[in-house]
Amino acid sequence: MATIVDAMLAAAGLHPEPADRDELIVTYAMFRPAIEALYTVPQARYEVPALAFQAAPKLKKW
């Protein structure tokens, strides 16, 4: 887990204190199963995200 957290921190350009880094590693390890569970539902693969933006205008008649 430390490698993944270090890679994410490097990608974000963050350099936390060692104690903060250790806490992030522990926290990421707790969240990882929930993150993986999001991808285990086959039907969710084809769903539109909840925050989808619809560009088509909805005009109302006057």
C-alpha atoms as a PDB file:
ATOM      1  CA  MET A   1       0.000   0.000   0.000  1.00  0.00           C
ATOM      2  CA  ALA A   2       2.879   2.350   0.713  1.00  0.00           C
ATOM      3  CA  THR A   3       3.982   2.244  -2.924  1.00  0.00           C
ATOM      4  CA  ILE A   4       0.514   3.189  -4.155  1.00  0.00           C
ATOM      5  CA  VAL A   5       0.152   6.027  -1.658  1.00  0.00           C
ATOM      6  CA  ASP A   6       3.644   7.307  -2.494  1.00  0.00           C
ATOM      7  CA  ALA A   7       2.787   7.266  -6.205  1.00  0.00           C
ATOM      8  CA  MET A   8      -0.450   9.186  -5.627  1.00  0.00           C
ATOM      9  CA  LEU A   9       1.329  11.751  -3.464  1.00  0.00           C
ATOM     10  CA  ALA A  10       4.063  12.177  -6.072  1.00  0.00           C
ATOM     11  CA  ALA A  11       1.485  12.597  -8.849  1.00  0.00           C
ATOM     12  CA  ALA A  12      -0.240  15.285  -6.795  1.00  0.00           C
ATOM     13  CA  GLY A  13       3.062  16.977  -5.987  1.00  0.00           C
ATOM     14  CA  LEU A  14       2.526  16.587  -2.246  1.00  0.00           C
ATOM     15  CA  HIS A  15       5.285  15.994   0.295  1.00  0.00           C
ATOM     16  CA  PRO A  16       3.656  15.235   3.676  1.00  0.00           C
ATOM     17  CA  GLU A  17       5.495  14.744   6.938  1.00  0.00           C
ATOM     18  CA  PRO A  18       6.407  11.099   7.676  1.00  0.00           C
ATOM     19  CA  ALA A  19       3.691  10.798  10.345  1.00  0.00           C
ATOM     20  CA  ASP A  20       1.068  12.137   7.926  1.00  0.00           C
ATOM     21  CA  ARG A  21       2.289   9.772   5.202  1.00  0.00           C
ATOM     22  CA  ASP A  22       1.953   6.812   7.574  1.00  0.00           C
ATOM     23  CA  GLU A  23      -1.582   7.890   8.457  1.00  0.00           C
ATOM     24  CA  LEU A  24      -2.475   8.172   4.769  1.00  0.00           C
ATOM     25  CA  ILE A  25      -1.197   4.642   4.177  1.00  0.00           C
ATOM     26  CA  VAL A  26      -3.369   3.275   6.994  1.00  0.00           C
ATOM     27  CA  THR A  27      -6.397   5.241   5.786  1.00  0.00           C
ATOM     28  CA  TYR A  28      -5.920   4.117   2.180  1.00  0.00           C
ATOM     29  CA  ALA A  29      -5.705   0.495   3.329  1.00  0.00           C
ATOM     30  CA  MET A  30      -9.082   0.904   5.062  1.00  0.00           C
ATOM     31  CA  PHE A  31     -10.721   2.472   1.982  1.00  0.00           C
ATOM     32  CA  ARG A  32      -9.215   0.111  -0.601  1.00  0.00           C
ATOM     33  CA  PRO A  33     -11.839  -2.680  -0.188  1.00  0.00           C
ATOM     34  CA  ALA A  34     -14.651  -0.151  -0.660  1.00  0.00           C
ATOM     35  CA  ILE A  35     -12.950   1.224  -3.764  1.00  0.00           C
ATOM     36  CA  GLU A  36     -12.592  -2.279  -5.195  1.00  0.00           C
ATOM     37  CA  ALA A  37     -16.258  -3.012  -4.421  1.00  0.00           C
ATOM     38  CA  LEU A  38     -17.301  -0.185  -6.731  1.00  0.00           C
ATOM     39  CA  TYR A  39     -15.892  -2.137  -9.663  1.00  0.00           C
ATOM     40  CA  THR A  40     -17.316  -5.548  -8.740  1.00  0.00           C
ATOM     41  CA  VAL A  41     -20.929  -4.763  -9.695  1.00  0.00           C
ATOM     42  CA  PRO A  42     -21.193  -5.774 -13.372  1.00  0.00           C
ATOM     43  CA  GLN A  43     -24.260  -3.612 -14.019  1.00  0.00           C
ATOM     44  CA  ALA A  44     -22.454  -0.477 -12.810  1.00  0.00           C
ATOM     45  CA  ARG A  45     -20.081  -0.673 -15.767  1.00  0.00           C
ATOM     46  CA  TYR A  46     -22.650   0.696 -18.165  1.00  0.00           C
ATOM     47  CA  GLU A  47     -24.422   3.212 -15.937  1.00  0.00           C
ATOM     48  CA  VAL A  48     -24.145   6.958 -16.410  1.00  0.00           C
ATOM     49  CA  PRO A  49     -22.370   8.656 -13.505  1.00  0.00           C
ATOM     50  CA  ALA A  50     -24.626  10.529 -11.103  1.00  0.00           C
ATOM     51  CA  LEU A  51     -23.015  13.842 -12.006  1.00  0.00           C
ATOM     52  CA  ALA A  52     -23.626  13.667 -15.751  1.00  0.00           C
ATOM     53  CA  PHE A  53     -24.003  17.004 -17.533  1.00  0.00           C
ATOM     54  CA  GLN A  54     -26.709  17.150 -20.185  1.00  0.00           C
ATOM     55  CA  ALA A  55     -25.787  19.829 -22.736  1.00  0.00           C
ATOM     56  CA  ALA A  56     -29.164  19.801 -24.510  1.00  0.00           C
ATOM     57  CA  PRO A  57     -31.179  22.900 -23.537  1.00  0.00           C
ATOM     58  CA  LYS A  58     -34.604  22.415 -22.049  1.00  0.00           C
ATOM     59  CA  LEU A  59     -36.678  25.269 -23.433  1.00  0.00           C
ATOM     60  CA  LYS A  60     -40.139  25.927 -22.074  1.00  0.00           C
ATOM     61  CA  LYS A  61     -42.928  27.402 -24.156  1.00  0.00           C
ATOM     62  CA  TRP A  62     -44.090  30.866 -23.130  1.00  0.00           C
END
